[in-house]
Amino acid sequence: MQTSNQNIAVRKIIDVSKYNGAIDWHKVKSDGVTDVIIRLSLGFNTFDPNALTNANGAAAVGIKVSYYHFAYPDKRPGTVQGDAKQEANYFTGLFAGGKMPQPQWLAVDLENWGPDKDTPLTKQEYAEWLTIFLAEVKAGTGITCMVYTYKAYLDQHLPPMHQFGSYPLWIANYNNPPTPPLPIGWKKYFLWQYSESGTVQGITGHCDLSKLG
């Protein structure tokens, strides 16, 4: 993954999912958006219904396309290892072989699954799941996967002496600090999702905004 901080001022980065509705990508492009990270999948066998339309629409107007996977770390096939491999291979298989525009970046989204719903894994199991998922994505695509999260969540779910700090971090923090606090184990971030209430032409309602570190 390219992690240079060059051209920060000219990069306008958004992320979208089905919740952003129908998007006019020509208007998005005219508003200066250069990069979009599209939700592609959730857990296993769940495809964001707007992902293909969003990816093709963004690519057609020259916006750089990336994908993220909303993770459900669990033991659904019976083991942590099986679940991690299943989710990683499902995610990467969706765009393999030219089925969708090839991505600039990839990310795994680590947060609560929903209100009062979260992973049942212990910290050690969570670390094992993430290790396997990241390795599978790298092996299948050649791309080092970003970790998307917020500090309190990952600090709660990973052992304090984990070894994930070398992976690019996409940190969510909307409190407008000079720089966002980072989860234990990271010394820098690659992307900062600094707003969930941005406005972009061509997208109805609010939109997430990120910037390079």
C-alpha atoms as a PDB file:
ATOM      1  CA  MET A   1       0.000   0.000   0.000  1.00  0.00           C
ATOM      2  CA  GLN A   2       1.261   3.474  -0.861  1.00  0.00           C
ATOM      3  CA  THR A   3       1.486   5.438   2.363  1.00  0.00           C
ATOM      4  CA  SER A   4       3.190   8.605   1.183  1.00  0.00           C
ATOM      5  CA  ASN A   5       1.805  11.856   2.547  1.00  0.00           C
ATOM      6  CA  GLN A   6       2.423  13.648  -0.734  1.00  0.00           C
ATOM      7  CA  ASN A   7      -0.474  15.595  -2.275  1.00  0.00           C
ATOM      8  CA  ILE A   8      -2.470  15.584   0.982  1.00  0.00           C
ATOM      9  CA  ALA A   9      -4.002  18.956   0.116  1.00  0.00           C
ATOM     10  CA  VAL A  10      -5.474  17.715  -3.173  1.00  0.00           C
ATOM     11  CA  ARG A  11      -6.940  14.421  -1.923  1.00  0.00           C
ATOM     12  CA  LYS A  12     -10.614  14.494  -0.949  1.00  0.00           C
ATOM     13  CA  ILE A  13     -11.564  11.079   0.403  1.00  0.00           C
ATOM     14  CA  ILE A  14     -15.045   9.751   1.166  1.00  0.00           C
ATOM     15  CA  ASP A  15     -16.509   6.363   2.066  1.00  0.00           C
ATOM     16  CA  VAL A  16     -19.955   5.130   1.105  1.00  0.00           C
ATOM     17  CA  SER A  17     -22.343   2.225   1.537  1.00  0.00           C
ATOM     18  CA  LYS A  18     -25.974   1.442   0.723  1.00  0.00           C
ATOM     19  CA  TYR A  19     -26.995   3.972   3.383  1.00  0.00           C
ATOM     20  CA  ASN A  20     -25.850   6.816   1.117  1.00  0.00           C
ATOM     21  CA  GLY A  21     -28.504   5.869  -1.424  1.00  0.00           C
ATOM     22  CA  ALA A  22     -28.241   6.589  -5.132  1.00  0.00           C
ATOM     23  CA  ILE A  23     -25.151   8.685  -5.914  1.00  0.00           C
ATOM     24  CA  ASP A  24     -24.508  11.029  -8.836  1.00  0.00           C
ATOM     25  CA  TRP A  25     -20.824  10.326  -9.390  1.00  0.00           C
ATOM     26  CA  HIS A  26     -20.387  13.117 -11.942  1.00  0.00           C
ATOM     27  CA  LYS A  27     -21.425  15.630  -9.286  1.00  0.00           C
ATOM     28  CA  VAL A  28     -19.219  13.924  -6.692  1.00  0.00           C
ATOM     29  CA  LYS A  29     -16.263  14.261  -9.047  1.00  0.00           C
ATOM     30  CA  SER A  30     -17.062  17.907  -9.727  1.00  0.00           C
ATOM     31  CA  ASP A  31     -17.016  18.549  -5.965  1.00  0.00           C
ATOM     32  CA  GLY A  32     -13.358  17.567  -5.881  1.00  0.00           C
ATOM     33  CA  VAL A  33     -13.584  14.011  -4.553  1.00  0.00           C
ATOM     34  CA  THR A  34     -10.512  12.049  -5.622  1.00  0.00           C
ATOM     35  CA  ASP A  35     -10.908   8.784  -3.692  1.00  0.00           C
ATOM     36  CA  VAL A  36     -13.807   6.676  -2.479  1.00  0.00           C
ATOM     37  CA  ILE A  37     -13.739   3.675  -0.129  1.00  0.00           C
ATOM     38  CA  ILE A  38     -16.814   1.552  -0.816  1.00  0.00           C
ATOM     39  CA  ARG A  39     -18.342  -0.927   1.590  1.00  0.00           C
ATOM     40  CA  LEU A  40     -18.177  -4.189  -0.303  1.00  0.00           C
ATOM     41  CA  SER A  41     -19.175  -6.872   2.171  1.00  0.00           C
ATOM     42  CA  LEU A  42     -20.325  -7.727   5.685  1.00  0.00           C
ATOM     43  CA  GLY A  43     -19.261 -10.909   7.432  1.00  0.00           C
ATOM     44  CA  PHE A  44     -19.732 -13.896   5.125  1.00  0.00           C
ATOM     45  CA  ASN A  45     -22.045 -14.039   2.119  1.00  0.00           C
ATOM     46  CA  THR A  46     -23.453 -10.529   2.521  1.00  0.00           C
ATOM     47  CA  PHE A  47     -22.738  -8.123  -0.333  1.00  0.00           C
ATOM     48  CA  ASP A  48     -23.549  -4.422  -0.034  1.00  0.00           C
ATOM     49  CA  PRO A  49     -26.325  -4.047  -2.644  1.00  0.00           C
ATOM     50  CA  ASN A  50     -24.986  -0.691  -3.889  1.00  0.00           C
ATOM     51  CA  ALA A  51     -21.322  -1.713  -4.058  1.00  0.00           C
ATOM     52  CA  LEU A  52     -21.140  -2.672  -7.732  1.00  0.00           C
ATOM     53  CA  THR A  53     -23.057   0.403  -8.906  1.00  0.00           C
ATOM     54  CA  ASN A  54     -20.929   2.650  -6.713  1.00  0.00           C
ATOM     55  CA  ALA A  55     -17.651   1.111  -7.845  1.00  0.00           C
ATOM     56  CA  ASN A  56     -18.474   1.285 -11.536  1.00  0.00           C
ATOM     57  CA  GLY A  57     -19.894   4.795 -11.248  1.00  0.00           C
ATOM     58  CA  ALA A  58     -16.891   6.155  -9.382  1.00  0.00           C
ATOM     59  CA  ALA A  59     -14.367   4.473 -11.660  1.00  0.00           C
ATOM     60  CA  ALA A  60     -16.157   5.738 -14.761  1.00  0.00           C
ATOM     61  CA  VAL A  61     -15.558   9.378 -13.767  1.00  0.00           C
ATOM     62  CA  GLY A  62     -11.948   8.834 -12.700  1.00  0.00           C
ATOM     63  CA  ILE A  63     -12.337   8.575  -8.917  1.00  0.00           C
ATOM     64  CA  LYS A  64      -9.918   6.093  -7.344  1.00  0.00           C
ATOM     65  CA  VAL A  65     -11.833   3.134  -5.933  1.00  0.00           C
ATOM     66  CA  SER A  66     -11.071   1.218  -2.720  1.00  0.00           C
ATOM     67  CA  TYR A  67     -13.105  -1.327  -0.741  1.00  0.00           C
ATOM     68  CA  TYR A  68     -13.776  -2.142   2.895  1.00  0.00           C
ATOM     69  CA  HIS A  69     -15.162  -5.198   4.636  1.00  0.00           C
ATOM     70  CA  PHE A  70     -17.350  -4.866   7.737  1.00  0.00           C
ATOM     71  CA  ALA A  71     -16.004  -7.703   9.869  1.00  0.00           C
ATOM     72  CA  TYR A  72     -17.977 -10.085  12.088  1.00  0.00           C
ATOM     73  CA  PRO A  73     -15.145 -11.881  13.939  1.00  0.00           C
ATOM     74  CA  ASP A  74     -16.638 -15.102  15.255  1.00  0.00           C
ATOM     75  CA  LYS A  75     -16.359 -18.896  15.068  1.00  0.00           C
ATOM     76  CA  ARG A  76     -19.229 -19.529  12.674  1.00  0.00           C
ATOM     77  CA  PRO A  77     -17.643 -22.407  10.696  1.00  0.00           C
ATOM     78  CA  GLY A  78     -16.500 -23.861  14.025  1.00  0.00           C
ATOM     79  CA  THR A  79     -13.147 -22.166  14.588  1.00  0.00           C
ATOM     80  CA  VAL A  80     -11.609 -18.699  14.710  1.00  0.00           C
ATOM     81  CA  GLN A  81      -9.272 -19.678  11.876  1.00  0.00           C
ATOM     82  CA  GLY A  82     -12.096 -20.910   9.678  1.00  0.00           C
ATOM     83  CA  ASP A  83     -14.181 -17.797  10.233  1.00  0.00           C
ATOM     84  CA  ALA A  84     -11.310 -15.418   9.454  1.00  0.00           C
ATOM     85  CA  LYS A  85     -10.381 -17.256   6.254  1.00  0.00           C
ATOM     86  CA  GLN A  86     -14.003 -17.472   5.162  1.00  0.00           C
ATOM     87  CA  GLU A  87     -14.603 -13.734   5.569  1.00  0.00           C
ATOM     88  CA  ALA A  88     -11.298 -12.723   3.956  1.00  0.00           C
ATOM     89  CA  ASN A  89     -11.760 -14.959   0.935  1.00  0.00           C
ATOM     90  CA  TYR A  90     -15.356 -13.883   0.487  1.00  0.00           C
ATOM     91  CA  PHE A  91     -14.296 -10.226   0.567  1.00  0.00           C
ATOM     92  CA  THR A  92     -11.452 -10.547  -1.932  1.00  0.00           C
ATOM     93  CA  GLY A  93     -13.354 -12.949  -4.165  1.00  0.00           C
ATOM     94  CA  LEU A  94     -15.964 -10.315  -4.905  1.00  0.00           C
ATOM     95  CA  PHE A  95     -13.563  -8.231  -7.001  1.00  0.00           C
ATOM     96  CA  ALA A  96     -11.141 -10.965  -8.105  1.00  0.00           C
ATOM     97  CA  GLY A  97     -10.639 -11.600 -11.797  1.00  0.00           C
ATOM     98  CA  GLY A  98     -11.957  -8.233 -12.937  1.00  0.00           C
ATOM     99  CA  LYS A  99     -15.471  -8.685 -11.560  1.00  0.00           C
ATOM    100  CA  MET A 100     -15.259  -5.120 -10.231  1.00  0.00           C
ATOM    101  CA  PRO A 101     -12.811  -2.219 -10.609  1.00  0.00           C
ATOM    102  CA  GLN A 102      -9.509  -3.129  -8.987  1.00  0.00           C
ATOM    103  CA  PRO A 103      -8.920  -1.359  -5.659  1.00  0.00           C
ATOM    104  CA  GLN A 104      -6.332   1.185  -4.664  1.00  0.00           C
ATOM    105  CA  TRP A 105      -6.701   0.319  -0.955  1.00  0.00           C
ATOM    106  CA  LEU A 106      -8.453  -2.345   1.101  1.00  0.00           C
ATOM    107  CA  ALA A 107      -9.668  -2.062   4.696  1.00  0.00           C
ATOM    108  CA  VAL A 108     -11.244  -4.192   7.401  1.00  0.00           C
ATOM    109  CA  ASP A 109     -13.810  -2.352   9.525  1.00  0.00           C
ATOM    110  CA  LEU A 110     -13.582  -3.310  13.211  1.00  0.00           C
ATOM    111  CA  GLU A 111     -16.395  -1.944  15.387  1.00  0.00           C
ATOM    112  CA  ASN A 112     -19.639  -3.034  17.049  1.00  0.00           C
ATOM    113  CA  TRP A 113     -21.867  -5.047  14.745  1.00  0.00           C
ATOM    114  CA  GLY A 114     -24.895  -3.059  15.840  1.00  0.00           C
ATOM    115  CA  PRO A 115     -26.656  -1.792  18.972  1.00  0.00           C
ATOM    116  CA  ASP A 116     -25.749  -4.112  21.850  1.00  0.00           C
ATOM    117  CA  LYS A 117     -24.169  -6.581  19.432  1.00  0.00           C
ATOM    118  CA  ASP A 118     -20.470  -7.342  19.282  1.00  0.00           C
ATOM    119  CA  THR A 119     -17.966 -10.120  18.786  1.00  0.00           C
ATOM    120  CA  PRO A 120     -17.982 -12.973  21.307  1.00  0.00           C
ATOM    121  CA  LEU A 121     -14.232 -13.552  20.908  1.00  0.00           C
ATOM    122  CA  THR A 122     -11.684 -13.087  23.674  1.00  0.00           C
ATOM    123  CA  LYS A 123      -8.773 -10.691  23.137  1.00  0.00           C
ATOM    124  CA  GLN A 124      -6.444 -13.524  22.175  1.00  0.00           C
ATOM    125  CA  GLU A 125      -9.011 -14.994  19.786  1.00  0.00           C
ATOM    126  CA  TYR A 126      -9.664 -11.562  18.284  1.00  0.00           C
ATOM    127  CA  ALA A 127      -5.936 -11.102  17.650  1.00  0.00           C
ATOM    128  CA  GLU A 128      -5.754 -14.535  16.051  1.00  0.00           C
ATOM    129  CA  TRP A 129      -8.767 -13.761  13.846  1.00  0.00           C
ATOM    130  CA  LEU A 130      -7.280 -10.461  12.703  1.00  0.00           C
ATOM    131  CA  THR A 131      -3.853 -11.997  12.022  1.00  0.00           C
ATOM    132  CA  ILE A 132      -5.388 -14.627   9.761  1.00  0.00           C
ATOM    133  CA  PHE A 133      -7.761 -12.214   8.005  1.00  0.00           C
ATOM    134  CA  LEU A 134      -4.982  -9.736   7.178  1.00  0.00           C
ATOM    135  CA  ALA A 135      -2.669 -12.495   5.972  1.00  0.00           C
ATOM    136  CA  GLU A 136      -5.365 -13.993   3.734  1.00  0.00           C
ATOM    137  CA  VAL A 137      -6.161 -10.626   2.148  1.00  0.00           C
ATOM    138  CA  LYS A 138      -2.475  -9.977   1.485  1.00  0.00           C
ATOM    139  CA  ALA A 139      -1.951 -13.447   0.022  1.00  0.00           C
ATOM    140  CA  GLY A 140      -4.994 -13.162  -2.211  1.00  0.00           C
ATOM    141  CA  THR A 141      -4.496  -9.634  -3.504  1.00  0.00           C
ATOM    142  CA  GLY A 142      -0.944  -8.467  -2.810  1.00  0.00           C
ATOM    143  CA  ILE A 143      -2.429  -5.472  -0.973  1.00  0.00           C
ATOM    144  CA  THR A 144      -1.732  -4.763   2.704  1.00  0.00           C
ATOM    145  CA  CYS A 145      -5.136  -4.262   4.300  1.00  0.00           C
ATOM    146  CA  MET A 146      -5.834  -1.182   6.433  1.00  0.00           C
ATOM    147  CA  VAL A 147      -7.421  -1.516   9.853  1.00  0.00           C
ATOM    148  CA  TYR A 148     -10.409   0.805  10.355  1.00  0.00           C
ATOM    149  CA  THR A 149     -11.508   1.382  13.930  1.00  0.00           C
ATOM    150  CA  TYR A 150     -11.734   3.831  16.798  1.00  0.00           C
ATOM    151  CA  LYS A 151      -9.393   3.850  19.764  1.00  0.00           C
ATOM    152  CA  ALA A 152     -11.711   2.685  22.538  1.00  0.00           C
ATOM    153  CA  TYR A 153     -12.973  -0.267  20.524  1.00  0.00           C
ATOM    154  CA  LEU A 154      -9.638  -1.734  19.518  1.00  0.00           C
ATOM    155  CA  ASP A 155      -8.075  -1.118  22.922  1.00  0.00           C
ATOM    156  CA  GLN A 156     -10.926  -3.164  24.384  1.00  0.00           C
ATOM    157  CA  HIS A 157     -10.582  -6.070  21.958  1.00  0.00           C
ATOM    158  CA  LEU A 158      -6.839  -6.577  21.381  1.00  0.00           C
ATOM    159  CA  PRO A 159      -4.159  -7.661  23.858  1.00  0.00           C
ATOM    160  CA  PRO A 160      -1.971  -4.667  24.801  1.00  0.00           C
ATOM    161  CA  MET A 161       1.195  -6.317  23.439  1.00  0.00           C
ATOM    162  CA  HIS A 162      -0.217  -7.103  19.999  1.00  0.00           C
ATOM    163  CA  GLN A 163       1.872  -6.788  16.827  1.00  0.00           C
ATOM    164  CA  PHE A 164      -0.523  -5.006  14.463  1.00  0.00           C
ATOM    165  CA  GLY A 165       1.062  -1.559  14.677  1.00  0.00           C
ATOM    166  CA  SER A 166       2.830  -1.996  11.344  1.00  0.00           C
ATOM    167  CA  TYR A 167      -0.494  -2.204   9.489  1.00  0.00           C
ATOM    168  CA  PRO A 168      -1.913   1.028   8.033  1.00  0.00           C
ATOM    169  CA  LEU A 169      -4.479   2.507  10.395  1.00  0.00           C
ATOM    170  CA  TRP A 170      -7.693   4.230   9.332  1.00  0.00           C
ATOM    171  CA  ILE A 171      -8.806   5.903  12.540  1.00  0.00           C
ATOM    172  CA  ALA A 172     -12.254   7.338  13.223  1.00  0.00           C
ATOM    173  CA  ASN A 173     -12.445  10.393  15.481  1.00  0.00           C
ATOM    174  CA  TYR A 174     -14.957  13.227  15.035  1.00  0.00           C
ATOM    175  CA  ASN A 175     -14.011  15.361  18.037  1.00  0.00           C
ATOM    176  CA  ASN A 176     -11.770  17.730  16.066  1.00  0.00           C
ATOM    177  CA  PRO A 177      -8.538  17.221  18.031  1.00  0.00           C
ATOM    178  CA  PRO A 178      -5.253  18.516  16.556  1.00  0.00           C
ATOM    179  CA  THR A 179      -4.439  14.859  15.934  1.00  0.00           C
ATOM    180  CA  PRO A 180      -6.564  11.807  16.789  1.00  0.00           C
ATOM    181  CA  PRO A 181      -5.607   9.572  19.748  1.00  0.00           C
ATOM    182  CA  LEU A 182      -4.455   6.202  18.428  1.00  0.00           C
ATOM    183  CA  PRO A 183      -5.150   2.672  19.657  1.00  0.00           C
ATOM    184  CA  ILE A 184      -2.458   0.987  21.709  1.00  0.00           C
ATOM    185  CA  GLY A 185       0.249  -0.359  19.403  1.00  0.00           C
ATOM    186  CA  TRP A 186       0.097   2.333  16.709  1.00  0.00           C
ATOM    187  CA  LYS A 187       2.355   5.380  16.457  1.00  0.00           C
ATOM    188  CA  LYS A 188       0.793   6.924  13.343  1.00  0.00           C
ATOM    189  CA  TYR A 189      -2.299   6.723  11.187  1.00  0.00           C
ATOM    190  CA  PHE A 190      -2.618   6.371   7.427  1.00  0.00           C
ATOM    191  CA  LEU A 191      -6.143   7.803   7.120  1.00  0.00           C
ATOM    192  CA  TRP A 192      -8.200   9.839   9.562  1.00  0.00           C
ATOM    193  CA  GLN A 193     -11.978   9.708   9.194  1.00  0.00           C
ATOM    194  CA  TYR A 194     -12.523  13.083  10.782  1.00  0.00           C
ATOM    195  CA  SER A 195     -16.199  13.670  10.004  1.00  0.00           C
ATOM    196  CA  GLU A 196     -19.403  11.669   9.666  1.00  0.00           C
ATOM    197  CA  SER A 197     -21.440  14.743   8.770  1.00  0.00           C
ATOM    198  CA  GLY A 198     -19.741  16.063   5.639  1.00  0.00           C
ATOM    199  CA  THR A 199     -21.639  17.233   2.586  1.00  0.00           C
ATOM    200  CA  VAL A 200     -20.709  16.297  -0.969  1.00  0.00           C
ATOM    201  CA  GLN A 201     -22.505  17.249  -4.155  1.00  0.00           C
ATOM    202  CA  GLY A 202     -24.243  14.244  -5.672  1.00  0.00           C
ATOM    203  CA  ILE A 203     -24.807  12.536  -2.301  1.00  0.00           C
ATOM    204  CA  THR A 204     -28.021  13.100  -0.372  1.00  0.00           C
ATOM    205  CA  GLY A 205     -27.518  13.668   3.329  1.00  0.00           C
ATOM    206  CA  HIS A 206     -24.308  13.383   5.302  1.00  0.00           C
ATOM    207  CA  CYS A 207     -21.146  11.685   4.123  1.00  0.00           C
ATOM    208  CA  ASP A 208     -18.015  10.427   5.906  1.00  0.00           C
ATOM    209  CA  LEU A 209     -14.851  12.394   5.139  1.00  0.00           C
ATOM    210  CA  SER A 210     -11.249  11.233   5.602  1.00  0.00           C
ATOM    211  CA  LYS A 211      -7.790  12.627   5.006  1.00  0.00           C
ATOM    212  CA  LEU A 212      -4.325  11.183   4.670  1.00  0.00           C
ATOM    213  CA  GLY A 213      -1.918  11.245   7.596  1.00  0.00           C
END
